[in-house]
Amino acid sequence: MNPQAKLIFIISLLLGTTITISSNHWIMAWAGLEINTLAILPMISKSHHPRAIEAATKYFLTQATASALVLFSSMTNAWYTGQWDITQLTHPTSCLILTSAIAMKLGLVPFHFWFPEVLQGSPLITGLLLSTMMKFPPITLLFMTSPSLNSTLLTCMALLSAALGGWMGLNQTQIRKILAFSSISHLGWMAIIITYNPKLTLLNFYLYTLMTATVFLTLNLIKAPKLSVLMTTWTKTPSLSATLLLTLLSLAGLPPLTGFLPKWLIIQELTKQDMAVAATMISLLSLLSLFFYLRLAYCATITLPPHTTNHMKQWHTNKPTSTLIAVLTTTSIMLLPISPLLSSIT
């Protein structure tokens, strides 16, 4: 892609995100979401492969539908209450339509079908943007409207997301699809707590972004799009493969790694809200995703291909790992000891 064009798209992404997260008026928030959608489309379809074109088309259709629903919910609320302010969303029908629209934008169950397909058709760096940066504006809208949202509906969607995100990722061989189902599962954890403690949702999102960025950038460096390739990359960068193992376990939420922090705080908050049953269910459902994280980690570091055919091993590279990956990996693994500081900041 032309560097000037890429620069314009990245600036548009930053602009759209900034407009949405800083706006108080629904029309401004909607405009920011539209700028974001239009800026990411050329980055999805830049390879001109049929799968990339299909991914861009699916992404455009779902995001356009979701944006129309956001506009419809805000207009309905303005019709009944005379308010265009985002925080003044009080009409029950508007809240229901908005929850559906944001779930569609994020890829929450039952509006999740587009996300794995779009991620599979995108390059790894674009997939990273879709999994992290593109989800920030919808999550801020949920954050701002959280007092008005239906907590029962969100809890049901969250439990279904954790279940399907873990269950559907079990049999995948394409790493981008596995990471897409991982994202759906993590969104379940964010959605279940949004009406009770919205700051915990943001903390969960920030730490999820940190860990996912580490995994995507590492996979991009070692050029591993699927599990069969990942099995042979340990000879190329052994130290990076070892840290990838720890990052994946952190993403799974195992103590004493960073990923355990949001899960621990969310379970604690749910128990305080007399939702021990929901906390138990979502904790047990996260074991499904733990299985495919362990599978990824096993393929990355511990095993050789489980068959006798000869594989071309990759040459060991002496090229230094980028500082960004080193910093992200360190924070993805070692933030748990400073959890009191993080919880006090949020």
Protein backbone atom coordinates (compact mmCIF):
# COMPACT_ATOMS: atom_id res chain seq x y z
CA MET A 1 0.00 0.00 0.00
CA ASN A 2 1.12 3.54 -0.79
CA PRO A 3 2.74 5.06 2.37
CA GLN A 4 0.82 8.33 1.93
CA ALA A 5 -2.48 6.45 1.69
CA LYS A 6 -1.59 4.37 4.76
CA LEU A 7 -0.77 7.55 6.69
CA ILE A 8 -4.15 9.08 5.74
CA PHE A 9 -6.00 5.93 6.87
CA ILE A 10 -4.13 5.79 10.21
CA ILE A 11 -4.78 9.50 10.87
CA SER A 12 -8.47 8.93 9.99
CA LEU A 13 -8.61 6.03 12.46
CA LEU A 14 -7.14 8.20 15.21
CA LEU A 15 -9.50 11.05 14.30
CA GLY A 16 -12.62 8.84 14.28
CA THR A 17 -11.69 7.25 17.62
CA THR A 18 -10.96 10.64 19.20
CA ILE A 19 -14.23 12.16 17.94
CA THR A 20 -16.30 9.28 19.35
CA ILE A 21 -14.65 9.05 22.76
CA SER A 22 -14.68 12.82 23.33
CA SER A 23 -18.20 13.62 22.09
CA ASN A 24 -21.32 14.29 24.15
CA HIS A 25 -23.74 14.41 21.22
CA TRP A 26 -24.99 11.25 19.53
CA ILE A 27 -24.49 12.60 15.99
CA MET A 28 -20.81 13.33 16.68
CA ALA A 29 -20.31 9.86 18.15
CA TRP A 30 -22.00 8.31 15.10
CA ALA A 31 -19.80 10.38 12.74
CA GLY A 32 -16.66 9.17 14.54
CA LEU A 33 -17.78 5.53 14.20
CA GLU A 34 -18.40 6.04 10.45
CA ILE A 35 -14.95 7.61 9.92
CA ASN A 36 -13.40 4.62 11.70
CA THR A 37 -15.28 2.12 9.54
CA LEU A 38 -14.36 3.83 6.27
CA ALA A 39 -10.69 4.17 7.29
CA ILE A 40 -10.18 0.51 8.18
CA LEU A 41 -11.84 -0.94 5.03
CA PRO A 42 -8.89 -0.31 2.64
CA MET A 43 -6.52 -1.77 5.23
CA ILE A 44 -8.56 -4.99 5.35
CA SER A 45 -8.80 -5.35 1.57
CA LYS A 46 -5.30 -4.17 0.60
CA SER A 47 -4.05 -7.65 -0.45
CA HIS A 48 -6.82 -7.92 -3.15
CA HIS A 49 -7.24 -11.60 -2.26
CA PRO A 50 -10.86 -12.83 -2.61
CA ARG A 51 -10.93 -13.65 1.11
CA ALA A 52 -9.76 -10.11 1.98
CA ILE A 53 -12.44 -8.58 -0.27
CA GLU A 54 -15.06 -10.84 1.35
CA ALA A 55 -13.83 -9.80 4.83
CA ALA A 56 -14.03 -6.09 3.91
CA THR A 57 -17.57 -6.54 2.53
CA LYS A 58 -18.77 -8.41 5.63
CA TYR A 59 -17.18 -5.81 7.88
CA PHE A 60 -18.78 -2.92 5.99
CA LEU A 61 -22.27 -4.45 6.04
CA THR A 62 -22.25 -5.30 9.77
CA GLN A 63 -20.73 -1.98 10.83
CA ALA A 64 -23.12 0.01 8.62
CA THR A 65 -26.08 -1.85 10.15
CA ALA A 66 -24.76 -1.25 13.67
CA SER A 67 -24.18 2.47 12.97
CA ALA A 68 -27.73 2.79 11.63
CA LEU A 69 -29.04 1.17 14.82
CA VAL A 70 -26.97 3.58 16.97
CA LEU A 71 -28.52 6.49 15.07
CA PHE A 72 -31.99 4.96 15.36
CA SER A 73 -31.70 4.43 19.13
CA SER A 74 -30.46 8.00 19.68
CA MET A 75 -33.28 9.42 17.51
CA THR A 76 -35.87 7.35 19.41
CA ASN A 77 -34.49 8.64 22.70
CA ALA A 78 -34.50 12.24 21.39
CA TRP A 79 -38.09 11.79 20.17
CA TYR A 80 -39.33 10.71 23.61
CA THR A 81 -37.09 12.74 25.96
CA GLY A 82 -35.81 15.66 23.85
CA GLN A 83 -32.20 14.76 24.82
CA TRP A 84 -29.31 14.23 22.36
CA ASP A 85 -26.75 13.88 25.17
CA ILE A 86 -25.08 10.44 25.28
CA THR A 87 -25.31 10.17 29.07
CA GLN A 88 -29.06 10.98 29.00
CA LEU A 89 -30.12 7.77 27.23
CA THR A 90 -33.09 6.85 29.42
CA HIS A 91 -35.82 5.41 27.20
CA PRO A 92 -35.99 1.58 27.58
CA THR A 93 -36.48 0.88 23.85
CA SER A 94 -33.52 3.11 22.96
CA CYS A 95 -31.36 1.30 25.54
CA LEU A 96 -32.32 -2.07 24.07
CA ILE A 97 -31.56 -1.00 20.47
CA LEU A 98 -28.26 0.59 21.55
CA THR A 99 -27.17 -2.58 23.38
CA SER A 100 -27.85 -4.59 20.19
CA ALA A 101 -25.96 -2.04 18.06
CA ILE A 102 -22.89 -1.96 20.30
CA ALA A 103 -22.92 -5.77 20.59
CA MET A 104 -22.90 -5.91 16.78
CA LYS A 105 -20.01 -3.46 16.59
CA LEU A 106 -17.99 -5.35 19.20
CA GLY A 107 -18.81 -8.89 18.07
CA LEU A 108 -20.68 -10.00 21.22
CA VAL A 109 -22.85 -13.11 20.97
CA PRO A 110 -25.35 -13.39 19.23
CA PHE A 111 -23.90 -10.82 16.77
CA HIS A 112 -20.44 -12.43 16.63
CA PHE A 113 -20.51 -14.35 13.33
CA TRP A 114 -18.77 -11.68 11.26
CA PHE A 115 -15.73 -11.24 13.51
CA PRO A 116 -13.76 -14.50 13.01
CA GLU A 117 -14.30 -14.34 9.23
CA VAL A 118 -13.17 -10.71 8.99
CA LEU A 119 -10.11 -11.34 11.15
CA GLN A 120 -9.18 -14.40 9.08
CA GLY A 121 -9.30 -12.36 5.86
CA SER A 122 -7.18 -9.49 7.25
CA PRO A 123 -3.39 -9.14 7.65
CA LEU A 124 -2.09 -9.60 11.21
CA ILE A 125 -1.50 -5.89 11.89
CA THR A 126 -4.98 -4.98 10.59
CA GLY A 127 -6.33 -7.84 12.73
CA LEU A 128 -4.64 -6.24 15.73
CA LEU A 129 -6.38 -2.92 14.96
CA LEU A 130 -9.74 -4.69 14.57
CA SER A 131 -9.32 -6.52 17.89
CA THR A 132 -8.19 -3.53 19.93
CA MET A 133 -8.44 0.02 18.55
CA MET A 134 -11.71 -0.49 16.66
CA LYS A 135 -13.39 -1.78 19.84
CA PHE A 136 -12.43 1.22 21.95
CA PRO A 137 -15.12 3.69 20.66
CA PRO A 138 -18.05 1.25 21.14
CA ILE A 139 -16.80 0.36 24.63
CA THR A 140 -16.63 4.06 25.57
CA LEU A 141 -20.25 4.45 24.41
CA LEU A 142 -21.21 1.49 26.63
CA PHE A 143 -19.24 3.08 29.47
CA MET A 144 -21.08 6.41 29.12
CA THR A 145 -24.53 4.82 28.91
CA SER A 146 -23.88 2.04 31.49
CA PRO A 147 -26.30 3.36 34.22
CA SER A 148 -29.24 3.03 31.80
CA LEU A 149 -28.45 -0.40 30.34
CA ASN A 150 -30.32 -3.64 31.09
CA SER A 151 -27.96 -5.65 33.32
CA THR A 152 -29.86 -8.95 32.86
CA LEU A 153 -29.56 -8.76 29.07
CA LEU A 154 -25.86 -7.90 29.26
CA THR A 155 -25.20 -10.73 31.72
CA CYS A 156 -26.90 -13.25 29.40
CA MET A 157 -24.94 -11.97 26.39
CA ALA A 158 -21.71 -12.04 28.42
CA LEU A 159 -22.19 -15.66 29.53
CA LEU A 160 -23.07 -16.72 25.98
CA SER A 161 -19.99 -14.89 24.65
CA ALA A 162 -17.70 -16.60 27.16
CA ALA A 163 -19.26 -19.98 26.30
CA LEU A 164 -19.26 -19.67 22.50
CA GLY A 165 -15.91 -17.85 22.39
CA GLY A 166 -14.30 -20.77 24.21
CA TRP A 167 -16.26 -23.57 22.58
CA MET A 168 -15.92 -22.46 18.94
CA GLY A 169 -12.19 -21.80 19.29
CA LEU A 170 -11.42 -25.37 20.34
CA ASN A 171 -11.24 -26.92 16.88
CA GLN A 172 -9.55 -24.08 14.96
CA THR A 173 -6.17 -24.35 13.24
CA GLN A 174 -5.94 -20.76 11.96
CA ILE A 175 -4.33 -18.56 14.62
CA ARG A 176 -6.30 -15.43 13.64
CA LYS A 177 -9.60 -17.28 14.12
CA ILE A 178 -8.41 -18.55 17.52
CA LEU A 179 -7.57 -14.97 18.53
CA ALA A 180 -10.98 -13.80 17.25
CA PHE A 181 -12.79 -16.31 19.49
CA SER A 182 -10.45 -15.29 22.32
CA SER A 183 -11.58 -11.69 21.78
CA ILE A 184 -15.26 -12.72 21.91
CA SER A 185 -14.61 -14.56 25.18
CA HIS A 186 -12.84 -11.55 26.72
CA LEU A 187 -15.70 -9.27 25.63
CA GLY A 188 -17.98 -11.47 27.72
CA TRP A 189 -15.93 -10.61 30.82
CA MET A 190 -16.15 -6.91 29.96
CA ALA A 191 -19.91 -6.97 29.29
CA ILE A 192 -20.85 -8.80 32.50
CA ILE A 193 -19.43 -6.06 34.75
CA ILE A 194 -20.21 -2.90 32.72
CA THR A 195 -23.43 -2.01 34.59
CA TYR A 196 -21.98 -2.70 38.06
CA ASN A 197 -18.46 -1.27 37.81
CA PRO A 198 -17.74 0.35 34.42
CA LYS A 199 -14.15 1.24 35.38
CA LEU A 200 -13.36 -2.47 35.70
CA THR A 201 -14.53 -2.93 32.11
CA LEU A 202 -12.07 -0.28 30.95
CA LEU A 203 -9.24 -1.82 33.01
CA ASN A 204 -10.03 -5.22 31.49
CA PHE A 205 -10.03 -3.70 28.00
CA TYR A 206 -6.68 -1.93 28.52
CA LEU A 207 -4.97 -5.09 29.79
CA TYR A 208 -6.59 -7.19 27.05
CA THR A 209 -5.27 -4.69 24.45
CA LEU A 210 -1.80 -4.93 25.96
CA MET A 211 -1.68 -8.74 25.85
CA THR A 212 -3.34 -9.07 22.43
CA ALA A 213 -0.93 -6.51 20.92
CA THR A 214 1.98 -8.57 22.25
CA VAL A 215 0.63 -11.80 20.70
CA PHE A 216 -0.21 -10.22 17.32
CA LEU A 217 3.13 -8.40 17.00
CA THR A 218 5.06 -11.55 17.98
CA LEU A 219 3.15 -13.66 15.43
CA ASN A 220 3.73 -10.96 12.81
CA LEU A 221 7.48 -11.03 13.52
CA ILE A 222 7.79 -14.81 13.28
CA LYS A 223 5.33 -14.96 10.30
CA ALA A 224 3.05 -17.65 11.79
CA PRO A 225 -0.53 -17.52 10.38
CA LYS A 226 -1.54 -21.08 11.44
CA LEU A 227 -0.66 -23.77 13.97
CA SER A 228 1.31 -25.98 11.58
CA VAL A 229 3.66 -23.05 10.85
CA LEU A 230 3.85 -22.06 14.52
CA MET A 231 5.17 -25.54 15.32
CA THR A 232 8.31 -24.95 13.26
CA THR A 233 9.14 -21.39 14.33
CA TRP A 234 10.72 -22.23 17.69
CA THR A 235 14.11 -22.69 15.98
CA LYS A 236 13.93 -19.18 14.55
CA THR A 237 13.56 -17.13 17.76
CA PRO A 238 13.62 -19.42 20.82
CA SER A 239 13.52 -16.61 23.40
CA LEU A 240 10.56 -14.92 21.68
CA SER A 241 8.71 -18.25 21.57
CA ALA A 242 9.29 -18.69 25.31
CA THR A 243 7.88 -15.24 26.09
CA LEU A 244 4.95 -15.95 23.72
CA LEU A 245 4.15 -18.94 25.93
CA LEU A 246 3.97 -16.69 29.01
CA THR A 247 1.90 -14.04 27.17
CA LEU A 248 -0.63 -16.66 26.03
CA LEU A 249 -0.94 -17.98 29.60
CA SER A 250 -1.44 -14.39 30.75
CA LEU A 251 -4.17 -13.93 28.12
CA ALA A 252 -5.78 -17.08 29.52
CA GLY A 253 -5.88 -15.41 32.95
CA LEU A 254 -3.55 -17.65 34.93
CA PRO A 255 -1.93 -16.30 38.11
CA PRO A 256 0.66 -14.85 38.80
CA LEU A 257 0.51 -13.16 35.36
CA THR A 258 -1.11 -9.85 34.35
CA GLY A 259 -4.22 -11.44 32.80
CA PHE A 260 -5.33 -12.80 36.17
CA LEU A 261 -5.85 -9.26 37.54
CA PRO A 262 -9.07 -8.26 35.66
CA LYS A 263 -10.64 -11.71 36.15
CA TRP A 264 -9.90 -11.61 39.86
CA LEU A 265 -11.36 -8.11 40.30
CA ILE A 266 -14.45 -8.92 38.18
CA ILE A 267 -15.21 -12.11 40.15
CA GLN A 268 -14.77 -10.14 43.39
CA GLU A 269 -17.16 -7.39 42.19
CA LEU A 270 -19.76 -9.91 40.96
CA THR A 271 -19.69 -11.65 44.35
CA LYS A 272 -20.26 -8.28 46.07
CA GLN A 273 -23.30 -7.75 43.81
CA ASP A 274 -24.82 -11.11 44.92
CA MET A 275 -24.06 -12.65 41.52
CA ALA A 276 -22.00 -15.59 42.74
CA VAL A 277 -23.77 -17.95 40.29
CA ALA A 278 -22.87 -15.77 37.27
CA ALA A 279 -19.28 -15.43 38.58
CA THR A 280 -18.98 -19.22 38.93
CA MET A 281 -20.44 -19.82 35.46
CA ILE A 282 -18.18 -17.35 33.66
CA SER A 283 -15.14 -18.67 35.55
CA LEU A 284 -15.91 -22.24 34.50
CA LEU A 285 -16.58 -21.15 30.89
CA SER A 286 -13.17 -19.45 30.75
CA LEU A 287 -11.64 -22.94 31.12
CA LEU A 288 -12.76 -23.61 27.53
CA SER A 289 -10.60 -20.76 26.26
CA LEU A 290 -7.75 -21.89 28.53
CA PHE A 291 -7.68 -25.12 26.52
CA PHE A 292 -6.97 -23.43 23.19
CA TYR A 293 -4.46 -21.00 24.76
CA LEU A 294 -2.60 -24.02 26.11
CA ARG A 295 -2.81 -25.59 22.66
CA LEU A 296 -1.27 -22.47 21.10
CA ALA A 297 1.41 -22.33 23.80
CA TYR A 298 2.14 -26.04 23.34
CA CYS A 299 2.52 -25.62 19.59
CA ALA A 300 4.70 -22.52 20.01
CA THR A 301 7.28 -23.87 22.43
CA ILE A 302 6.95 -27.41 23.66
CA THR A 303 6.30 -29.74 20.76
CA LEU A 304 7.56 -30.83 17.40
CA PRO A 305 5.00 -31.54 14.66
CA PRO A 306 3.17 -34.74 15.69
CA HIS A 307 3.96 -36.71 12.53
CA THR A 308 6.97 -38.24 10.85
CA THR A 309 7.10 -36.17 7.66
CA ASN A 310 10.14 -33.95 7.28
CA HIS A 311 9.63 -30.28 8.03
CA MET A 312 11.83 -27.48 6.83
CA LYS A 313 13.09 -25.92 10.05
CA GLN A 314 13.59 -22.17 9.95
CA TRP A 315 17.03 -20.68 10.43
CA HIS A 316 17.86 -19.13 13.79
CA THR A 317 17.82 -15.37 13.39
CA ASN A 318 20.13 -12.95 15.18
CA LYS A 319 17.95 -9.97 14.29
CA PRO A 320 17.13 -8.14 17.56
CA THR A 321 13.53 -8.15 18.73
CA SER A 322 11.89 -4.72 18.60
CA THR A 323 11.83 -2.69 21.81
CA LEU A 324 8.03 -2.37 21.55
CA ILE A 325 7.53 -6.15 21.72
CA ALA A 326 9.97 -6.38 24.64
CA VAL A 327 8.12 -3.69 26.62
CA LEU A 328 4.67 -5.11 25.79
CA THR A 329 5.75 -8.64 26.75
CA THR A 330 7.16 -7.48 30.08
CA THR A 331 3.97 -5.59 30.97
CA SER A 332 1.78 -8.48 29.73
CA ILE A 333 3.46 -10.80 32.20
CA MET A 334 4.49 -8.76 35.25
CA LEU A 335 1.76 -6.23 36.14
CA LEU A 336 0.02 -8.32 38.82
CA PRO A 337 2.25 -7.16 41.75
CA ILE A 338 1.24 -3.53 41.13
CA SER A 339 -2.48 -4.36 40.98
CA PRO A 340 -3.35 -2.14 44.00
CA LEU A 341 -1.90 0.83 42.10
CA LEU A 342 -3.84 -0.07 38.91
CA SER A 343 -7.12 -0.51 40.79
CA SER A 344 -6.62 2.80 42.60
CA ILE A 345 -5.94 4.59 39.27
CA THR A 346 -9.13 3.18 37.72
